[in-house]
Amino acid sequence: MSDETVRAYVGKRIRELRMGYGGQGISQEALATELKVATNTISRWETGTYEPTLQDLERLSRFFGSSIVMFFPQVEVSDTRSQKVDALLRAAESLKQEDLDELQRYAEFRKARSLQEGTKKRKKA
């Protein structure tokens, strides 16, 4: 997937979240104020002119109460990895809800970072 395609995908997801926020949507200006970025930054993210950083995506996901992973196209997972995920889930079963929430955010951030690094490696090749 090209960088341009990834930026378009991310921009589309940001726009969908923004337009659906609270049932009525939130303006680019209001979102920019909440995230403490320039208004035109939101516009440029949505049009794919700029690529948000991983930290920007983390702030967006927290603001919208969504997973950071949703900003990346889905990737197939191998059976070995699936077994490790199952083991992780079993280990997490006894955690408090707040710990589960933090573990989820951490795992999603790490996955997003990995996906972002994969995109950059393909761009260099």
N, C-alpha and C. Protein backbone atom coordinates (compact mmCIF):
# COMPACT_ATOMS: atom_id res chain seq x y z
N MET A 1 0.86 -1.18 0.00
CA MET A 1 0.00 0.00 0.00
C MET A 1 0.90 1.24 0.00
N SER A 2 0.66 2.15 -0.90
CA SER A 2 1.50 3.34 -1.02
C SER A 2 1.25 4.31 0.14
N ASP A 3 2.22 5.20 0.35
CA ASP A 3 2.07 6.22 1.40
C ASP A 3 0.84 7.07 1.16
N GLU A 4 0.61 7.40 -0.09
CA GLU A 4 -0.55 8.22 -0.46
C GLU A 4 -1.85 7.51 -0.08
N THR A 5 -1.91 6.21 -0.34
CA THR A 5 -3.09 5.43 -0.01
C THR A 5 -3.29 5.36 1.50
N VAL A 6 -2.19 5.18 2.24
CA VAL A 6 -2.28 5.12 3.71
C VAL A 6 -2.75 6.46 4.25
N ARG A 7 -2.18 7.56 3.74
CA ARG A 7 -2.61 8.89 4.21
C ARG A 7 -4.09 9.12 3.91
N ALA A 8 -4.54 8.68 2.74
CA ALA A 8 -5.96 8.83 2.39
C ALA A 8 -6.83 8.00 3.33
N TYR A 9 -6.39 6.79 3.66
CA TYR A 9 -7.14 5.93 4.57
C TYR A 9 -7.24 6.58 5.95
N VAL A 10 -6.10 7.06 6.46
CA VAL A 10 -6.08 7.71 7.77
C VAL A 10 -6.98 8.94 7.75
N GLY A 11 -6.86 9.75 6.71
CA GLY A 11 -7.68 10.96 6.60
C GLY A 11 -9.16 10.65 6.59
N LYS A 12 -9.53 9.60 5.87
CA LYS A 12 -10.94 9.19 5.81
C LYS A 12 -11.43 8.78 7.19
N ARG A 13 -10.62 8.03 7.92
CA ARG A 13 -11.01 7.59 9.27
C ARG A 13 -11.16 8.78 10.21
N ILE A 14 -10.25 9.75 10.13
CA ILE A 14 -10.35 10.94 10.99
C ILE A 14 -11.63 11.69 10.68
N ARG A 15 -11.91 11.87 9.40
CA ARG A 15 -13.13 12.60 9.01
C ARG A 15 -14.38 11.86 9.48
N GLU A 16 -14.41 10.53 9.33
CA GLU A 16 -15.56 9.75 9.78
C GLU A 16 -15.78 9.92 11.28
N LEU A 17 -14.71 9.84 12.05
CA LEU A 17 -14.83 10.02 13.51
C LEU A 17 -15.30 11.42 13.85
N ARG A 18 -14.73 12.41 13.17
CA ARG A 18 -15.08 13.80 13.45
C ARG A 18 -16.54 14.09 13.11
N MET A 19 -16.96 13.60 11.95
CA MET A 19 -18.34 13.86 11.50
C MET A 19 -19.38 13.13 12.35
N GLY A 20 -19.00 11.98 12.92
CA GLY A 20 -19.94 11.22 13.73
C GLY A 20 -19.87 11.51 15.22
N TYR A 21 -18.96 12.36 15.62
CA TYR A 21 -18.73 12.63 17.04
C TYR A 21 -19.98 13.17 17.72
N GLY A 22 -20.39 12.50 18.78
CA GLY A 22 -21.53 12.96 19.56
C GLY A 22 -22.85 12.95 18.81
N GLY A 23 -22.91 12.26 17.69
CA GLY A 23 -24.14 12.20 16.90
C GLY A 23 -24.34 13.39 15.98
N GLN A 24 -23.63 14.48 16.23
CA GLN A 24 -23.79 15.68 15.41
C GLN A 24 -22.49 16.12 14.76
N GLY A 25 -21.39 15.50 15.16
CA GLY A 25 -20.10 15.87 14.61
C GLY A 25 -19.44 16.98 15.40
N ILE A 26 -18.20 17.20 15.07
CA ILE A 26 -17.41 18.27 15.68
C ILE A 26 -16.67 18.96 14.53
N SER A 27 -16.57 20.26 14.60
CA SER A 27 -15.90 21.00 13.53
C SER A 27 -14.39 20.76 13.58
N GLN A 28 -13.75 21.03 12.46
CA GLN A 28 -12.29 20.93 12.42
C GLN A 28 -11.69 21.90 13.43
N GLU A 29 -12.27 23.07 13.55
CA GLU A 29 -11.76 24.08 14.47
C GLU A 29 -11.85 23.60 15.91
N ALA A 30 -13.00 23.04 16.28
CA ALA A 30 -13.18 22.57 17.65
C ALA A 30 -12.25 21.39 17.96
N LEU A 31 -12.09 20.49 17.00
CA LEU A 31 -11.19 19.36 17.20
C LEU A 31 -9.75 19.86 17.33
N ALA A 32 -9.37 20.80 16.50
CA ALA A 32 -8.02 21.36 16.58
C ALA A 32 -7.78 21.99 17.95
N THR A 33 -8.76 22.69 18.46
CA THR A 33 -8.64 23.30 19.78
C THR A 33 -8.46 22.22 20.85
N GLU A 34 -9.25 21.16 20.77
CA GLU A 34 -9.15 20.07 21.74
C GLU A 34 -7.78 19.40 21.71
N LEU A 35 -7.22 19.24 20.50
CA LEU A 35 -5.94 18.56 20.34
C LEU A 35 -4.74 19.50 20.42
N LYS A 36 -5.04 20.81 20.51
CA LYS A 36 -4.00 21.84 20.58
C LYS A 36 -3.09 21.81 19.34
N VAL A 37 -3.75 21.77 18.18
CA VAL A 37 -3.03 21.87 16.90
C VAL A 37 -3.69 22.96 16.08
N ALA A 38 -3.03 23.39 15.02
CA ALA A 38 -3.60 24.40 14.14
C ALA A 38 -4.81 23.83 13.40
N THR A 39 -5.81 24.66 13.15
CA THR A 39 -7.02 24.22 12.47
C THR A 39 -6.71 23.59 11.12
N ASN A 40 -5.78 24.20 10.38
CA ASN A 40 -5.48 23.66 9.06
C ASN A 40 -4.78 22.30 9.14
N THR A 41 -4.24 21.95 10.29
CA THR A 41 -3.64 20.63 10.46
C THR A 41 -4.70 19.55 10.34
N ILE A 42 -5.85 19.75 10.94
CA ILE A 42 -6.94 18.77 10.85
C ILE A 42 -7.35 18.62 9.39
N SER A 43 -7.51 19.71 8.71
CA SER A 43 -7.87 19.68 7.30
C SER A 43 -6.83 18.92 6.48
N ARG A 44 -5.59 19.18 6.74
CA ARG A 44 -4.51 18.53 5.99
C ARG A 44 -4.42 17.03 6.31
N TRP A 45 -4.73 16.66 7.54
CA TRP A 45 -4.79 15.23 7.86
C TRP A 45 -5.91 14.57 7.07
N GLU A 46 -7.07 15.21 7.07
CA GLU A 46 -8.23 14.62 6.42
C GLU A 46 -8.07 14.52 4.90
N THR A 47 -7.36 15.44 4.31
CA THR A 47 -7.16 15.39 2.85
C THR A 47 -5.94 14.57 2.46
N GLY A 48 -5.17 14.12 3.45
CA GLY A 48 -3.99 13.32 3.16
C GLY A 48 -2.78 14.14 2.77
N THR A 49 -2.86 15.46 2.95
CA THR A 49 -1.73 16.34 2.65
C THR A 49 -0.62 16.12 3.66
N TYR A 50 -1.01 16.01 4.94
CA TYR A 50 -0.07 15.72 6.02
C TYR A 50 -0.40 14.35 6.60
N GLU A 51 0.63 13.67 7.09
CA GLU A 51 0.43 12.40 7.78
C GLU A 51 0.56 12.65 9.28
N PRO A 52 -0.48 12.34 10.06
CA PRO A 52 -0.36 12.53 11.50
C PRO A 52 0.71 11.60 12.08
N THR A 53 1.39 12.08 13.09
CA THR A 53 2.38 11.23 13.77
C THR A 53 1.64 10.18 14.60
N LEU A 54 2.37 9.23 15.08
CA LEU A 54 1.78 8.21 15.94
C LEU A 54 1.22 8.85 17.21
N GLN A 55 1.90 9.86 17.73
CA GLN A 55 1.40 10.57 18.91
C GLN A 55 0.11 11.32 18.59
N ASP A 56 0.02 11.88 17.39
CA ASP A 56 -1.22 12.54 16.97
C ASP A 56 -2.36 11.53 16.92
N LEU A 57 -2.09 10.35 16.36
CA LEU A 57 -3.11 9.32 16.26
C LEU A 57 -3.53 8.83 17.65
N GLU A 58 -2.58 8.76 18.56
CA GLU A 58 -2.89 8.38 19.94
C GLU A 58 -3.84 9.41 20.57
N ARG A 59 -3.54 10.68 20.39
CA ARG A 59 -4.41 11.74 20.94
C ARG A 59 -5.80 11.68 20.30
N LEU A 60 -5.84 11.46 18.98
CA LEU A 60 -7.14 11.34 18.30
C LEU A 60 -7.93 10.16 18.84
N SER A 61 -7.27 9.02 18.99
CA SER A 61 -7.98 7.83 19.46
C SER A 61 -8.50 8.03 20.88
N ARG A 62 -7.72 8.66 21.72
CA ARG A 62 -8.19 8.93 23.10
C ARG A 62 -9.35 9.92 23.09
N PHE A 63 -9.25 10.95 22.26
CA PHE A 63 -10.34 11.94 22.20
C PHE A 63 -11.64 11.29 21.75
N PHE A 64 -11.56 10.47 20.71
CA PHE A 64 -12.76 9.85 20.16
C PHE A 64 -13.16 8.56 20.89
N GLY A 65 -12.32 8.11 21.84
CA GLY A 65 -12.63 6.89 22.57
C GLY A 65 -12.60 5.66 21.68
N SER A 66 -11.66 5.66 20.74
CA SER A 66 -11.56 4.55 19.79
C SER A 66 -10.16 3.94 19.86
N SER A 67 -9.98 2.88 19.13
CA SER A 67 -8.68 2.21 19.08
C SER A 67 -7.78 2.90 18.07
N ILE A 68 -6.53 3.07 18.42
CA ILE A 68 -5.56 3.66 17.49
C ILE A 68 -5.37 2.77 16.26
N VAL A 69 -5.61 1.49 16.43
CA VAL A 69 -5.43 0.53 15.34
C VAL A 69 -6.41 0.79 14.19
N MET A 70 -7.52 1.42 14.50
CA MET A 70 -8.50 1.67 13.45
C MET A 70 -7.99 2.61 12.36
N PHE A 71 -6.90 3.30 12.63
CA PHE A 71 -6.32 4.21 11.63
C PHE A 71 -5.45 3.48 10.61
N PHE A 72 -5.30 2.17 10.76
CA PHE A 72 -4.45 1.39 9.87
C PHE A 72 -5.26 0.29 9.22
N PRO A 73 -5.00 0.02 7.94
CA PRO A 73 -5.68 -1.10 7.29
C PRO A 73 -5.37 -2.41 8.02
N GLN A 74 -6.31 -3.32 8.02
CA GLN A 74 -6.15 -4.58 8.74
C GLN A 74 -5.06 -5.43 8.12
N VAL A 75 -4.34 -6.15 8.97
CA VAL A 75 -3.26 -7.03 8.56
C VAL A 75 -3.56 -8.43 9.06
N GLU A 76 -3.29 -9.44 8.23
CA GLU A 76 -3.51 -10.83 8.63
C GLU A 76 -2.53 -11.22 9.74
N VAL A 77 -2.97 -12.12 10.65
CA VAL A 77 -2.16 -12.57 11.78
C VAL A 77 -1.90 -14.06 11.63
N SER A 78 -0.65 -14.49 11.85
CA SER A 78 -0.29 -15.91 11.72
C SER A 78 -0.83 -16.71 12.90
N ASP A 79 -0.87 -18.04 12.76
CA ASP A 79 -1.34 -18.92 13.83
C ASP A 79 -0.48 -18.81 15.08
N THR A 80 0.86 -18.72 14.91
CA THR A 80 1.76 -18.61 16.05
C THR A 80 1.46 -17.34 16.84
N ARG A 81 1.30 -16.25 16.11
CA ARG A 81 0.97 -14.98 16.77
C ARG A 81 -0.39 -15.08 17.45
N SER A 82 -1.32 -15.75 16.83
CA SER A 82 -2.65 -15.90 17.40
C SER A 82 -2.57 -16.66 18.73
N GLN A 83 -1.72 -17.66 18.81
CA GLN A 83 -1.54 -18.41 20.05
C GLN A 83 -0.96 -17.52 21.14
N LYS A 84 -0.03 -16.65 20.77
CA LYS A 84 0.56 -15.72 21.75
C LYS A 84 -0.49 -14.72 22.24
N VAL A 85 -1.34 -14.29 21.34
CA VAL A 85 -2.41 -13.36 21.72
C VAL A 85 -3.36 -14.06 22.69
N ASP A 86 -3.70 -15.30 22.40
CA ASP A 86 -4.56 -16.06 23.31
C ASP A 86 -3.92 -16.18 24.70
N ALA A 87 -2.61 -16.44 24.75
CA ALA A 87 -1.90 -16.54 26.03
C ALA A 87 -1.93 -15.20 26.77
N LEU A 88 -1.77 -14.12 26.03
CA LEU A 88 -1.83 -12.80 26.64
C LEU A 88 -3.22 -12.53 27.22
N LEU A 89 -4.24 -12.91 26.50
CA LEU A 89 -5.60 -12.73 26.98
C LEU A 89 -5.86 -13.53 28.25
N ARG A 90 -5.37 -14.75 28.30
CA ARG A 90 -5.54 -15.57 29.51
C ARG A 90 -4.84 -14.92 30.70
N ALA A 91 -3.65 -14.36 30.46
CA ALA A 91 -2.91 -13.72 31.53
C ALA A 91 -3.61 -12.45 32.01
N ALA A 92 -4.32 -11.80 31.13
CA ALA A 92 -4.97 -10.53 31.47
C ALA A 92 -6.33 -10.70 32.13
N GLU A 93 -6.86 -11.90 32.15
CA GLU A 93 -8.22 -12.12 32.66
C GLU A 93 -8.44 -11.62 34.08
N SER A 94 -7.44 -11.70 34.92
CA SER A 94 -7.63 -11.33 36.33
C SER A 94 -7.30 -9.87 36.63
N LEU A 95 -6.94 -9.11 35.63
CA LEU A 95 -6.58 -7.71 35.85
C LEU A 95 -7.82 -6.86 36.14
N LYS A 96 -7.59 -5.77 36.86
CA LYS A 96 -8.66 -4.79 37.10
C LYS A 96 -9.00 -4.11 35.78
N GLN A 97 -10.19 -3.56 35.68
CA GLN A 97 -10.65 -2.91 34.45
C GLN A 97 -9.71 -1.79 34.01
N GLU A 98 -9.26 -0.99 34.96
CA GLU A 98 -8.37 0.13 34.59
C GLU A 98 -7.04 -0.39 34.04
N ASP A 99 -6.56 -1.52 34.58
CA ASP A 99 -5.34 -2.12 34.05
C ASP A 99 -5.57 -2.70 32.66
N LEU A 100 -6.73 -3.30 32.45
CA LEU A 100 -7.08 -3.81 31.13
C LEU A 100 -7.14 -2.69 30.10
N ASP A 101 -7.75 -1.58 30.50
CA ASP A 101 -7.85 -0.43 29.59
C ASP A 101 -6.46 0.08 29.21
N GLU A 102 -5.57 0.18 30.20
CA GLU A 102 -4.22 0.66 29.92
C GLU A 102 -3.44 -0.35 29.07
N LEU A 103 -3.61 -1.64 29.35
CA LEU A 103 -2.95 -2.68 28.55
C LEU A 103 -3.43 -2.62 27.11
N GLN A 104 -4.72 -2.39 26.93
CA GLN A 104 -5.27 -2.29 25.58
C GLN A 104 -4.68 -1.09 24.85
N ARG A 105 -4.63 0.05 25.52
CA ARG A 105 -4.06 1.25 24.88
C ARG A 105 -2.59 1.02 24.51
N TYR A 106 -1.84 0.37 25.42
CA TYR A 106 -0.44 0.09 25.15
C TYR A 106 -0.28 -0.84 23.94
N ALA A 107 -1.06 -1.91 23.93
CA ALA A 107 -0.98 -2.87 22.81
C ALA A 107 -1.35 -2.19 21.49
N GLU A 108 -2.38 -1.37 21.51
CA GLU A 108 -2.80 -0.69 20.29
C GLU A 108 -1.75 0.31 19.82
N PHE A 109 -1.12 1.01 20.76
CA PHE A 109 -0.07 1.95 20.40
C PHE A 109 1.10 1.22 19.77
N ARG A 110 1.51 0.09 20.36
CA ARG A 110 2.63 -0.69 19.82
C ARG A 110 2.29 -1.22 18.43
N LYS A 111 1.06 -1.68 18.25
CA LYS A 111 0.66 -2.19 16.93
C LYS A 111 0.69 -1.06 15.91
N ALA A 112 0.17 0.09 16.29
CA ALA A 112 0.16 1.23 15.38
C ALA A 112 1.58 1.64 15.01
N ARG A 113 2.48 1.62 16.00
CA ARG A 113 3.88 1.97 15.72
C ARG A 113 4.49 0.97 14.74
N SER A 114 4.20 -0.30 14.94
CA SER A 114 4.70 -1.33 14.05
C SER A 114 4.16 -1.15 12.63
N LEU A 115 2.88 -0.85 12.52
CA LEU A 115 2.27 -0.62 11.21
C LEU A 115 2.87 0.60 10.53
N GLN A 116 3.09 1.64 11.32
CA GLN A 116 3.67 2.86 10.77
C GLN A 116 5.10 2.60 10.29
N GLU A 117 5.88 1.85 11.06
CA GLU A 117 7.26 1.53 10.67
C GLU A 117 7.26 0.68 9.40
N GLY A 118 6.31 -0.24 9.28
CA GLY A 118 6.22 -1.07 8.08
C GLY A 118 5.94 -0.23 6.86
N THR A 119 5.12 0.78 7.00
CA THR A 119 4.81 1.68 5.89
C THR A 119 6.05 2.44 5.47
N LYS A 120 6.84 2.90 6.44
CA LYS A 120 8.04 3.67 6.13
C LYS A 120 9.09 2.78 5.47
N LYS A 121 9.21 1.51 5.90
CA LYS A 121 10.17 0.60 5.28
C LYS A 121 9.80 0.34 3.82
N ARG A 122 8.51 0.17 3.54
CA ARG A 122 8.07 -0.07 2.16
C ARG A 122 8.36 1.16 1.31
N LYS A 123 8.25 2.33 1.89
CA LYS A 123 8.49 3.56 1.15
C LYS A 123 9.97 3.66 0.75
N LYS A 124 10.90 3.22 1.62
CA LYS A 124 12.32 3.29 1.32
C LYS A 124 12.73 2.27 0.27
N ALA A 125 12.00 1.14 0.20
CA ALA A 125 12.37 0.07 -0.74
C ALA A 125 12.12 0.43 -2.19
